Every structure is written in structure tokens, then in C-alpha cells.
Amino acid sequence: MRTVFLCLIIVSSSCASLQKGTRLSEHKKQLNAATKLIDDPTKQIDILLGSLTKMMSESLDFLDPNQGLKFINKYKDQNEKSIQKILSNLESWMGKMSATEKMSTVLSLVKEENVKNFIALVPKFEKKYKQIKFFSNISERLKGFFFGS
């Protein structure tokens, strides 16, 4: 009985690792594809917020915060360049707009499902993972994007 239990634990743990790797590679593919959409910043923000929201949700599913931190750090290591590239493009795009255009764009984006989900998850995520500087930097840049710097 004890051996069967140990085998189940080992199998479930390796399945969880495989799932984690699959999820991380999917994030990487999506964000890399988004960096190539320079002419469509709204699609870039949609992909970026979708990925960040999914990553936050996945990391909150870990019961052990240390496992969640490992997942977040792998996400960061794999995607930081792509995220920075997307954020720079979005800031450049918004920088070229008049105040009225910015307001209109932000209001239309705030209605998007990914934006709503992102905004809803940020407090829970920041509460559990306060010390993550990477996310704080992204969050601040996105706040500047939506609410002005």
C-alpha cells in the first residue's frame, strides 16, 4: 500500500512538472509571436495581458508559494525580453497619440476581457508574491499605459 502511494506521488509530481513546462512554452510562443505584431499594438496588449493573467492564475494555483515563485521566475527568464519589447512598442504607440486619442484608446481597452481579468487578479497576486520586482515593474508600466505617468 505504501509503495503504491509513493508511486502515485511520483507520477503526479512528474505530471505537474510536465504541465508546468508545457504552460511555460505556450506563454513563450504567444509572447514571441506578439513581438512581431508591431503594427497591431492592440493585439500585442491583448496577448500580453492574456499571458500575464494566465501566468498569475497558474502561479496562484500552487499551494506552496516557493513552487509558485519558481514558476514565475521561469516565466520571467523565458519572456522578459519579449515583454519589454512589447511594452516599449506600446509606450511608443501611445506617445504618438493626442490626449483625446489616448483617452479613447484606454477606454476601449478597459472593456476587454483580458484587461478586466488582469485588473481583478493583480491584488491577489501581489498579496501572495509581494517580493517579485519583475512583476512590479511590468505592473507600473501598464498602470502608466492606462492611467498616464
Protein backbone atom coordinates (compact mmCIF):
# COMPACT_ATOMS: atom_id res chain seq x y z
CA MET A 1 0.00 0.00 0.00
CA ARG A 2 2.78 2.37 0.92
CA THR A 3 4.62 1.65 -2.34
CA VAL A 4 1.50 2.36 -4.39
CA PHE A 5 1.06 5.67 -2.58
CA LEU A 6 4.68 6.66 -3.23
CA CYS A 7 4.32 5.74 -6.90
CA LEU A 8 1.21 7.89 -7.18
CA ILE A 9 3.03 10.85 -5.63
CA ILE A 10 5.97 10.45 -8.03
CA VAL A 11 3.70 10.15 -11.08
CA SER A 12 1.57 13.14 -10.09
CA SER A 13 4.66 15.23 -9.39
CA SER A 14 6.19 14.43 -12.78
CA CYS A 15 2.85 15.19 -14.48
CA ALA A 16 2.74 18.57 -12.73
CA SER A 17 6.28 19.34 -13.90
CA LEU A 18 5.39 18.37 -17.45
CA GLN A 19 2.27 20.57 -17.33
CA LYS A 20 4.31 23.47 -15.97
CA GLY A 21 6.82 23.12 -18.81
CA THR A 22 4.05 22.97 -21.40
CA ARG A 23 2.36 26.06 -19.99
CA LEU A 24 5.64 27.98 -19.95
CA SER A 25 6.44 27.08 -23.55
CA GLU A 26 2.96 28.18 -24.63
CA HIS A 27 3.48 31.57 -22.94
CA LYS A 28 6.82 31.91 -24.70
CA LYS A 29 5.34 31.11 -28.13
CA GLN A 30 2.50 33.60 -27.67
CA LEU A 31 4.72 36.43 -26.46
CA ASN A 32 7.32 35.84 -29.18
CA ALA A 33 4.54 35.98 -31.77
CA ALA A 34 3.23 39.20 -30.20
CA THR A 35 6.61 40.93 -30.60
CA LYS A 36 6.21 40.56 -34.36
CA LEU A 37 2.85 42.39 -34.35
CA ILE A 38 4.44 45.85 -34.22
CA ASP A 39 1.73 47.29 -36.47
CA ASP A 40 -1.07 46.00 -34.24
CA PRO A 41 -0.43 47.27 -30.68
CA THR A 42 -3.95 46.43 -29.50
CA LYS A 43 -3.34 42.79 -30.39
CA GLN A 44 0.01 42.98 -28.57
CA ILE A 45 -1.62 44.29 -25.39
CA ASP A 46 -4.29 41.62 -25.64
CA ILE A 47 -1.70 38.85 -25.93
CA LEU A 48 0.50 40.35 -23.20
CA LEU A 49 -2.32 40.76 -20.70
CA GLY A 50 -3.70 37.33 -21.58
CA SER A 51 -0.32 35.74 -20.89
CA LEU A 52 0.27 37.71 -17.68
CA THR A 53 -3.23 36.93 -16.41
CA LYS A 54 -2.83 33.24 -17.16
CA MET A 55 0.62 33.17 -15.52
CA MET A 56 -0.74 34.90 -12.40
CA SER A 57 -3.65 32.49 -12.22
CA GLU A 58 -1.38 29.48 -12.70
CA SER A 59 1.04 30.69 -10.04
CA LEU A 60 -1.79 31.26 -7.57
CA ASP A 61 -2.79 27.61 -8.04
CA PHE A 62 0.44 26.43 -6.38
CA LEU A 63 -0.20 25.61 -2.75
CA ASP A 64 3.49 26.00 -1.95
CA PRO A 65 4.49 29.64 -2.61
CA ASN A 66 8.07 28.53 -3.29
CA GLN A 67 6.86 26.39 -6.20
CA GLY A 68 4.86 29.37 -7.43
CA LEU A 69 7.97 31.55 -7.24
CA LYS A 70 9.95 29.02 -9.26
CA PHE A 71 7.23 29.04 -11.91
CA ILE A 72 7.15 32.86 -12.01
CA ASN A 73 10.93 33.09 -12.23
CA LYS A 74 11.00 30.64 -15.15
CA TYR A 75 8.27 32.68 -16.84
CA LYS A 76 10.36 35.81 -16.29
CA ASP A 77 13.56 34.25 -17.57
CA GLN A 78 11.87 32.98 -20.72
CA ASN A 79 9.75 36.02 -21.52
CA GLU A 80 11.33 39.18 -20.11
CA LYS A 81 12.84 40.29 -23.44
CA SER A 82 9.57 39.80 -25.30
CA ILE A 83 7.57 41.59 -22.61
CA GLN A 84 9.97 44.55 -22.57
CA LYS A 85 9.83 44.76 -26.36
CA ILE A 86 6.01 44.75 -26.33
CA LEU A 87 5.85 47.36 -23.55
CA SER A 88 8.29 49.62 -25.39
CA ASN A 89 6.21 49.37 -28.54
CA LEU A 90 3.02 50.16 -26.61
CA GLU A 91 4.63 53.17 -24.91
CA SER A 92 5.89 54.44 -28.26
CA TRP A 93 2.45 53.93 -29.83
CA MET A 94 0.70 55.78 -27.01
CA GLY A 95 3.35 58.51 -27.02
CA LYS A 96 2.38 59.43 -30.56
CA MET A 97 -1.28 59.96 -29.64
CA SER A 98 -3.04 63.11 -28.60
CA ALA A 99 -4.63 63.21 -25.14
CA THR A 100 -8.07 62.59 -26.65
CA GLU A 101 -6.85 59.60 -28.65
CA LYS A 102 -5.16 58.16 -25.57
CA MET A 103 -8.34 58.51 -23.52
CA SER A 104 -10.43 56.87 -26.23
CA THR A 105 -7.95 54.02 -26.65
CA VAL A 106 -7.68 53.36 -22.94
CA LEU A 107 -11.45 53.40 -22.50
CA SER A 108 -11.90 50.90 -25.32
CA LEU A 109 -9.16 48.64 -23.94
CA VAL A 110 -10.53 48.68 -20.39
CA LYS A 111 -13.66 46.97 -21.70
CA GLU A 112 -11.61 44.00 -22.96
CA GLU A 113 -11.94 40.74 -21.02
CA ASN A 114 -8.16 40.27 -20.61
CA VAL A 115 -7.82 43.72 -19.07
CA LYS A 116 -10.67 43.08 -16.63
CA ASN A 117 -9.21 39.70 -15.64
CA PHE A 118 -5.74 41.21 -15.23
CA ILE A 119 -7.04 44.02 -13.01
CA ALA A 120 -9.01 41.53 -10.90
CA LEU A 121 -6.01 39.21 -10.35
CA VAL A 122 -3.33 41.81 -9.60
CA PRO A 123 -4.27 42.36 -5.91
CA LYS A 124 -4.38 38.61 -5.15
CA PHE A 125 -1.12 38.04 -6.98
CA GLU A 126 0.68 40.96 -5.34
CA LYS A 127 -0.55 39.84 -1.91
CA LYS A 128 0.87 36.33 -2.34
CA TYR A 129 4.04 37.32 -4.20
CA LYS A 130 4.88 40.80 -2.86
CA GLN A 131 8.62 40.46 -3.40
CA ILE A 132 8.59 39.96 -7.17
CA LYS A 133 10.26 43.02 -8.60
CA PHE A 134 9.82 41.81 -12.19
CA PHE A 135 6.04 41.89 -11.90
CA SER A 136 6.05 45.19 -10.04
CA ASN A 137 7.97 46.82 -12.91
CA ILE A 138 5.56 45.46 -15.52
CA SER A 139 2.57 46.43 -13.41
CA GLU A 140 3.86 50.01 -13.01
CA ARG A 141 4.47 50.37 -16.75
CA LEU A 142 0.98 49.07 -17.51
CA LYS A 143 -0.54 51.45 -14.97
CA GLY A 144 1.30 54.27 -16.75
CA PHE A 145 -0.04 52.98 -20.05
CA PHE A 146 -3.63 53.01 -18.83
CA PHE A 147 -3.64 55.87 -16.38
CA GLY A 148 -0.79 58.11 -17.54
CA SER A 149 2.57 58.51 -15.86
